[in-house]
Amino acid sequence: MKFFYHPDQERHAPPSFLLRGRQVASPEGPLRAQMLLEGLASLGIEVTSPEMPDTPRLRERLSRIHTRRYLDFLETIHSRWSALPEATAVVSPNVHPCGGGHHYPRHPVGQAGWHMHDMACPLTAETFSGVMANAASAEAAADAVLAGVASAYALCRPPGHHAGADRAGGFCFLNNSALAAEVLRERHARVAILDVDLHHGNGTQDIFYDRGDVWTGSVHADPADFYPFFWGGVDEIGEGKGRGANLNRPLPLGSDGVAFMAALEELIEAMTAFRPEALVVPLGLDAHRDDPLAGLALETDDFQALGQRLAAIELPTVIVQEGGYPTEHLGNNLAAFMRGYTGSRAANGGS
């Protein structure tokens, strides 16, 4: 198994975000990566840094999952925002086209509201460089699997699965899991995405919702009571060519590892019927009971069992880090997952 992380991800360091009407310190920052790296180091795992965090090939691949105007927005909005009178140092919109807008605005404030669907994506002067390094890490892991490695892990922060084709949200700017799936599609006719983050991956679902070549499934806290609120129900099954290729298994708040694993089995059964040739796992560790954004109640040992179960699927696999926020358990949760995953792979003759 190979492991990838580009240190330029640390350039994205949002100072705060809006939570229940208050500006609070953001739990999504460089500290997350440091703690996750410590968890890998406790197992003797070293990470590889992609040589180039921004290449024409990466940009072309990103354009398959994100609109070009959105990618242009991410790259240019901070400089255009900063030129406004009395602008803040962080791009933070004050207007959104709730219910759907009728035209795409020219003004930076309007564009920020169009592309940033909540107040959890503060964008700084260094954000674009940071998230491109983030995407490069996911791309490198997917390329390694295309080259013949059985599995690879990309340490990506900020997370990505709330980022849709034309929008940011929930700390996410570029959808790293969708990018990994798109890279795997260069060789594999059918790819599955099995999202095990605490939150529903609404951006990933939206990107592939009308496609039949990428199956998407998610187990998560029930959006009736939890972010992202407006997506993630059992009635969302895809449309057009993608009808039947999307499956959600929302869980009541506070559900434990037993309920989580039972829902996961339902997803795996449906995914197996799709007959995927490769797999992407958006890995969230925020389902732990003590996570700052806690909505479920998994224990550290549950992540080891999760790793063992996912390894048993025995498909070429890219694991992309999604959520999981700073607590004393964060690094241990990743280490537990990797013990389960790599140990099971090794026992079955994989790597």
Protein backbone atom coordinates (compact mmCIF):
# COMPACT_ATOMS: atom_id res chain seq x y z
CA MET A 1 0.00 0.00 0.00
CA LYS A 2 1.25 3.50 -0.81
CA PHE A 3 0.56 6.69 1.12
CA PHE A 4 0.51 10.24 -0.26
CA TYR A 5 0.46 13.73 1.26
CA HIS A 6 1.65 17.05 -0.14
CA PRO A 7 2.73 19.50 2.59
CA ASP A 8 1.49 22.51 0.61
CA GLN A 9 -1.96 21.56 1.88
CA GLU A 10 -0.95 23.47 5.01
CA ARG A 11 -1.18 26.70 3.02
CA HIS A 12 -4.95 26.54 3.47
CA ALA A 13 -5.37 27.53 7.10
CA PRO A 14 -8.79 29.11 7.68
CA PRO A 15 -8.89 31.08 10.95
CA SER A 16 -12.57 30.57 11.74
CA PHE A 17 -15.99 29.69 10.38
CA LEU A 18 -19.60 30.50 11.21
CA LEU A 19 -21.29 28.03 13.56
CA ARG A 20 -24.84 28.67 14.77
CA GLY A 21 -24.38 32.37 14.13
CA ARG A 22 -21.00 32.66 15.89
CA GLN A 23 -17.50 33.00 14.47
CA VAL A 24 -15.53 30.16 16.05
CA ALA A 25 -12.09 28.66 15.49
CA SER A 26 -12.19 26.24 12.58
CA PRO A 27 -11.56 22.58 13.46
CA GLU A 28 -10.41 22.10 9.84
CA GLY A 29 -6.80 23.24 9.71
CA PRO A 30 -3.18 22.07 9.37
CA LEU A 31 -3.34 20.49 12.85
CA ARG A 32 -5.59 17.78 11.39
CA ALA A 33 -2.90 16.69 8.96
CA GLN A 34 -0.24 16.71 11.66
CA MET A 35 -2.32 14.44 13.89
CA LEU A 36 -3.15 12.09 11.04
CA LEU A 37 0.51 11.90 10.03
CA GLU A 38 1.39 11.05 13.63
CA GLY A 39 -1.14 8.23 13.49
CA LEU A 40 0.52 6.81 10.38
CA ALA A 41 3.99 7.28 11.87
CA SER A 42 2.96 5.22 14.91
CA LEU A 43 2.69 2.28 12.50
CA GLY A 44 6.01 3.06 10.84
CA ILE A 45 4.26 4.38 7.72
CA GLU A 46 5.96 7.08 5.66
CA VAL A 47 4.13 9.23 3.14
CA THR A 48 5.23 10.26 -0.34
CA SER A 49 4.73 13.79 -1.63
CA PRO A 50 3.57 14.25 -5.24
CA GLU A 51 6.31 16.05 -7.15
CA MET A 52 4.06 18.72 -8.65
CA PRO A 53 0.94 20.01 -6.87
CA ASP A 54 -0.42 21.80 -9.95
CA THR A 55 -0.08 20.40 -13.47
CA PRO A 56 -2.01 20.70 -16.75
CA ARG A 57 -3.03 17.04 -16.40
CA LEU A 58 -4.47 17.60 -12.92
CA ARG A 59 -6.37 20.65 -14.13
CA GLU A 60 -7.81 18.71 -17.05
CA ARG A 61 -8.91 15.89 -14.77
CA LEU A 62 -10.52 18.34 -12.36
CA SER A 63 -12.44 19.87 -15.27
CA ARG A 64 -14.21 16.53 -15.73
CA ILE A 65 -15.84 16.79 -12.31
CA HIS A 66 -15.99 20.57 -11.74
CA THR A 67 -17.19 23.32 -14.06
CA ARG A 68 -14.49 25.49 -15.59
CA ARG A 69 -16.11 28.64 -14.20
CA TYR A 70 -15.94 27.15 -10.70
CA LEU A 71 -12.25 26.28 -11.07
CA ASP A 72 -11.61 29.81 -12.39
CA PHE A 73 -13.54 31.19 -9.41
CA LEU A 74 -11.41 29.29 -6.89
CA GLU A 75 -8.22 30.51 -8.53
CA THR A 76 -9.14 34.18 -8.94
CA ILE A 77 -11.79 35.13 -6.38
CA HIS A 78 -9.47 36.17 -3.56
CA SER A 79 -7.61 38.76 -5.61
CA ARG A 80 -10.88 40.12 -7.04
CA TRP A 81 -12.51 40.13 -3.60
CA SER A 82 -9.51 41.92 -2.08
CA ALA A 83 -9.85 44.73 -4.62
CA LEU A 84 -13.31 45.62 -3.27
CA PRO A 85 -13.54 48.61 -0.90
CA GLU A 86 -13.17 47.57 2.77
CA ALA A 87 -12.99 43.88 1.86
CA THR A 88 -12.04 41.36 4.52
CA ALA A 89 -8.94 39.15 4.21
CA VAL A 90 -11.18 36.08 3.90
CA VAL A 91 -13.78 35.55 1.18
CA SER A 92 -17.07 35.07 3.00
CA PRO A 93 -20.33 35.65 1.09
CA ASN A 94 -23.35 37.46 2.51
CA VAL A 95 -25.87 36.45 -0.15
CA HIS A 96 -26.87 33.08 -1.65
CA PRO A 97 -29.29 32.19 -4.48
CA CYS A 98 -31.58 30.12 -2.26
CA GLY A 99 -34.17 28.39 -4.41
CA GLY A 100 -32.01 28.80 -7.50
CA GLY A 101 -30.78 31.91 -9.28
CA HIS A 102 -31.79 32.95 -12.77
CA HIS A 103 -28.40 34.22 -13.95
CA TYR A 104 -24.74 33.93 -13.07
CA PRO A 105 -23.45 37.20 -11.56
CA ARG A 106 -20.38 39.15 -12.66
CA HIS A 107 -19.70 40.79 -9.28
CA PRO A 108 -17.30 38.97 -6.89
CA VAL A 109 -19.77 39.10 -3.99
CA GLY A 110 -22.46 37.50 -6.14
CA GLN A 111 -20.08 34.85 -7.46
CA ALA A 112 -18.97 34.02 -3.91
CA GLY A 113 -22.58 33.48 -2.90
CA TRP A 114 -23.22 31.38 -6.02
CA HIS A 115 -20.27 29.03 -5.53
CA MET A 116 -20.03 28.86 -1.70
CA HIS A 117 -23.27 27.32 -0.53
CA ASP A 118 -22.63 27.69 3.21
CA MET A 119 -20.47 29.63 5.66
CA ALA A 120 -18.04 26.80 6.36
CA CYS A 121 -15.64 27.50 3.48
CA PRO A 122 -13.62 30.60 4.36
CA LEU A 123 -11.26 31.19 1.44
CA THR A 124 -7.89 32.88 2.00
CA ALA A 125 -5.11 34.07 -0.29
CA GLU A 126 -3.44 30.65 0.07
CA THR A 127 -6.53 28.46 -0.28
CA PHE A 128 -6.22 27.69 -3.98
CA SER A 129 -2.60 26.55 -3.67
CA GLY A 130 -3.53 24.44 -0.66
CA VAL A 131 -6.47 22.69 -2.28
CA MET A 132 -4.54 22.01 -5.49
CA ALA A 133 -1.89 20.24 -3.39
CA ASN A 134 -4.78 18.41 -1.76
CA ALA A 135 -6.12 17.25 -5.14
CA ALA A 136 -2.62 16.30 -6.29
CA SER A 137 -2.38 13.90 -3.35
CA ALA A 138 -5.62 12.17 -4.35
CA GLU A 139 -4.50 12.08 -7.98
CA ALA A 140 -1.17 10.49 -7.02
CA ALA A 141 -2.92 7.76 -5.04
CA ALA A 142 -5.26 6.99 -7.95
CA ASP A 143 -2.36 6.97 -10.42
CA ALA A 144 -0.51 4.52 -8.17
CA VAL A 145 -3.48 2.16 -8.27
CA LEU A 146 -3.68 2.51 -12.06
CA ALA A 147 0.01 1.58 -12.16
CA GLY A 148 -0.70 -1.70 -10.38
CA VAL A 149 -0.59 -0.99 -6.63
CA ALA A 150 -3.46 -2.84 -4.96
CA SER A 151 -4.38 0.09 -2.72
CA ALA A 152 -3.26 3.62 -1.89
CA TYR A 153 -4.18 6.25 0.68
CA ALA A 154 -4.32 10.01 0.14
CA LEU A 155 -4.14 12.22 3.21
CA CYS A 156 -6.29 15.12 2.01
CA ARG A 157 -7.30 18.20 3.94
CA PRO A 158 -9.51 20.08 3.68
CA PRO A 159 -11.97 17.27 2.91
CA GLY A 160 -13.72 17.20 -0.44
CA HIS A 161 -16.95 15.21 -0.56
CA HIS A 162 -19.28 18.21 0.00
CA ALA A 163 -17.82 20.01 -3.03
CA GLY A 164 -20.12 19.72 -6.02
CA ALA A 165 -19.45 20.39 -9.66
CA ASP A 166 -20.05 24.13 -9.24
CA ARG A 167 -19.83 24.80 -5.52
CA ALA A 168 -17.91 24.60 -2.26
CA GLY A 169 -19.43 23.64 1.08
CA GLY A 170 -18.75 21.99 4.42
CA PHE A 171 -15.00 22.87 4.47
CA CYS A 172 -14.69 21.35 0.95
CA PHE A 173 -13.47 23.06 -2.24
CA LEU A 174 -12.29 20.31 -4.64
CA ASN A 175 -13.86 16.86 -4.57
CA ASN A 176 -10.85 14.60 -4.09
CA SER A 177 -12.87 11.36 -3.96
CA ALA A 178 -14.67 12.20 -7.20
CA LEU A 179 -11.31 13.05 -8.75
CA ALA A 180 -9.89 9.66 -7.71
CA ALA A 181 -12.91 7.92 -9.24
CA GLU A 182 -12.51 9.86 -12.47
CA VAL A 183 -8.85 8.87 -12.69
CA LEU A 184 -9.73 5.21 -12.10
CA ARG A 185 -12.32 5.46 -14.87
CA GLU A 186 -9.49 6.00 -17.34
CA ARG A 187 -8.92 2.24 -17.15
CA HIS A 188 -11.95 0.74 -15.41
CA ALA A 189 -15.43 0.67 -16.96
CA ARG A 190 -17.24 0.74 -13.59
CA VAL A 191 -16.01 2.36 -10.39
CA ALA A 192 -17.70 2.44 -6.99
CA ILE A 193 -17.47 5.10 -4.27
CA LEU A 194 -18.25 3.85 -0.78
CA ASP A 195 -18.42 6.85 1.57
CA VAL A 196 -17.99 6.09 5.28
CA ASP A 197 -17.75 9.65 6.59
CA LEU A 198 -20.05 10.90 9.35
CA HIS A 199 -21.66 13.29 6.87
CA HIS A 200 -23.37 12.51 3.59
CA GLY A 201 -21.12 13.19 0.58
CA ASN A 202 -23.64 15.38 -1.20
CA GLY A 203 -21.11 16.85 -3.62
CA THR A 204 -19.96 13.41 -4.75
CA GLN A 205 -23.55 12.27 -5.14
CA ASP A 206 -24.41 15.30 -7.26
CA ILE A 207 -21.39 14.90 -9.55
CA PHE A 208 -22.30 11.32 -10.47
CA TYR A 209 -26.08 11.39 -9.96
CA ASP A 210 -26.98 10.95 -13.62
CA ARG A 211 -24.08 8.69 -14.55
CA GLY A 212 -24.24 4.92 -14.68
CA ASP A 213 -20.49 4.28 -14.71
CA VAL A 214 -19.80 5.37 -11.13
CA TRP A 215 -21.87 3.88 -8.29
CA THR A 216 -22.11 6.00 -5.14
CA GLY A 217 -23.11 4.79 -1.69
CA SER A 218 -22.98 6.46 1.70
CA VAL A 219 -23.59 5.61 5.36
CA HIS A 220 -23.98 8.74 7.48
CA ALA A 221 -25.90 10.55 10.21
CA ASP A 222 -29.49 11.24 9.16
CA PRO A 223 -29.61 14.58 7.30
CA ALA A 224 -33.06 15.25 8.75
CA ASP A 225 -31.14 16.26 11.87
CA PHE A 226 -27.56 16.80 10.67
CA TYR A 227 -25.39 18.48 8.05
CA PRO A 228 -25.70 18.63 5.03
CA PHE A 229 -29.46 18.60 5.83
CA PHE A 230 -30.78 18.81 2.25
CA TRP A 231 -29.23 15.66 0.73
CA GLY A 232 -28.65 12.06 1.78
CA GLY A 233 -32.08 10.47 2.01
CA VAL A 234 -32.99 6.93 1.04
CA ASP A 235 -35.18 8.25 -1.78
CA GLU A 236 -32.17 9.65 -3.65
CA ILE A 237 -31.35 6.81 -6.05
CA GLY A 238 -29.93 8.62 -9.07
CA GLU A 239 -31.60 9.68 -12.28
CA GLY A 240 -31.30 9.05 -16.00
CA LYS A 241 -28.42 6.68 -16.70
CA GLY A 242 -27.56 6.86 -13.01
CA ARG A 243 -30.91 5.66 -11.74
CA GLY A 244 -30.23 2.85 -9.27
CA ALA A 245 -26.53 3.73 -9.02
CA ASN A 246 -26.86 5.83 -5.84
CA LEU A 247 -27.71 4.46 -2.41
CA ASN A 248 -27.91 6.20 0.98
CA ARG A 249 -28.16 4.61 4.39
CA PRO A 250 -28.78 7.38 6.95
CA LEU A 251 -28.50 6.46 10.62
CA PRO A 252 -30.19 8.00 13.68
CA LEU A 253 -27.99 10.40 15.63
CA GLY A 254 -25.89 8.59 18.21
CA SER A 255 -25.83 5.26 16.37
CA ASP A 256 -22.97 2.97 17.37
CA GLY A 257 -20.53 0.75 15.50
CA VAL A 258 -22.95 -2.16 15.31
CA ALA A 259 -25.55 -0.09 13.47
CA PHE A 260 -22.86 1.47 11.29
CA MET A 261 -21.45 -1.87 10.18
CA ALA A 262 -24.93 -3.26 9.49
CA ALA A 263 -25.68 -0.32 7.19
CA LEU A 264 -22.29 -0.77 5.55
CA GLU A 265 -23.14 -4.39 4.73
CA GLU A 266 -26.27 -3.24 2.92
CA LEU A 267 -24.21 -0.85 0.85
CA ILE A 268 -21.59 -3.48 0.03
CA GLU A 269 -24.27 -5.93 -1.09
CA ALA A 270 -25.75 -3.36 -3.48
CA MET A 271 -22.31 -2.27 -4.66
CA THR A 272 -21.34 -5.87 -5.42
CA ALA A 273 -24.37 -6.19 -7.69
CA PHE A 274 -23.03 -3.20 -9.65
CA ARG A 275 -19.88 -5.25 -10.38
CA PRO A 276 -17.31 -2.47 -9.95
CA GLU A 277 -13.77 -2.96 -11.18
CA ALA A 278 -12.22 -0.47 -8.74
CA LEU A 279 -13.20 1.26 -5.51
CA VAL A 280 -12.82 4.68 -3.88
CA VAL A 281 -13.36 4.96 -0.12
CA PRO A 282 -13.96 8.49 1.20
CA LEU A 283 -12.73 7.82 4.75
CA GLY A 284 -14.19 9.90 7.55
CA LEU A 285 -13.02 9.47 11.12
CA ASP A 286 -15.57 11.97 12.43
CA ALA A 287 -18.05 9.21 13.26
CA HIS A 288 -16.05 8.74 16.49
CA ARG A 289 -18.06 9.50 19.63
CA ASP A 290 -15.68 12.31 20.75
CA ASP A 291 -15.25 14.10 17.43
CA PRO A 292 -15.98 17.86 17.67
CA LEU A 293 -18.70 17.42 15.03
CA ALA A 294 -19.93 14.15 16.53
CA GLY A 295 -23.24 12.76 15.31
CA LEU A 296 -22.50 9.04 15.66
CA ALA A 297 -20.82 7.05 18.43
CA LEU A 298 -18.13 4.78 16.96
CA GLU A 299 -15.19 3.69 19.10
CA THR A 300 -11.58 3.43 17.97
CA ASP A 301 -11.88 -0.36 17.67
CA ASP A 302 -14.76 0.12 15.23
CA PHE A 303 -12.39 1.76 12.77
CA GLN A 304 -10.14 -1.29 12.85
CA ALA A 305 -13.16 -3.47 12.05
CA LEU A 306 -14.09 -1.03 9.28
CA GLY A 307 -10.62 -1.33 7.77
CA GLN A 308 -10.79 -5.12 7.87
CA ARG A 309 -14.18 -5.17 6.18
CA LEU A 310 -13.22 -2.79 3.40
CA ALA A 311 -9.99 -4.68 2.73
CA ALA A 312 -12.00 -7.86 2.28
CA ILE A 313 -13.69 -6.38 -0.78
CA GLU A 314 -10.41 -7.03 -2.65
CA LEU A 315 -10.75 -4.44 -5.39
CA PRO A 316 -8.09 -1.98 -6.55
CA THR A 317 -8.79 0.74 -3.97
CA VAL A 318 -8.04 4.39 -3.36
CA ILE A 319 -8.73 5.60 0.18
CA VAL A 320 -9.20 9.36 0.40
CA GLN A 321 -9.19 11.13 3.75
CA GLU A 322 -12.36 13.11 4.38
CA GLY A 323 -13.50 14.21 7.86
CA GLY A 324 -12.16 13.61 11.34
CA TYR A 325 -11.28 16.58 13.51
CA PRO A 326 -8.78 17.22 16.31
CA THR A 327 -9.20 15.15 19.47
CA GLU A 328 -6.75 12.98 21.36
CA HIS A 329 -8.22 10.03 19.43
CA LEU A 330 -7.81 11.24 15.85
CA GLY A 331 -4.39 9.79 15.06
CA ASN A 332 -5.26 6.57 16.89
CA ASN A 333 -8.46 6.20 14.85
CA LEU A 334 -6.52 6.39 11.59
CA ALA A 335 -3.89 3.99 12.92
CA ALA A 336 -6.63 1.54 13.95
CA PHE A 337 -8.21 1.71 10.50
CA MET A 338 -4.86 1.11 8.81
CA ARG A 339 -4.02 -1.80 11.11
CA GLY A 340 -7.27 -3.43 10.14
CA TYR A 341 -6.96 -2.63 6.45
CA THR A 342 -3.31 -3.46 5.84
CA GLY A 343 -3.39 -6.48 8.12
CA SER A 344 -6.36 -7.95 6.28
CA ARG A 345 -4.81 -7.19 2.87
CA ALA A 346 -1.53 -8.83 3.87
CA ALA A 347 -3.34 -11.90 5.18
CA ASN A 348 -5.06 -12.24 1.82
CA GLY A 349 -1.86 -11.78 -0.16
CA GLY A 350 -2.56 -8.18 -1.22
CA SER A 351 -0.66 -4.95 -0.57
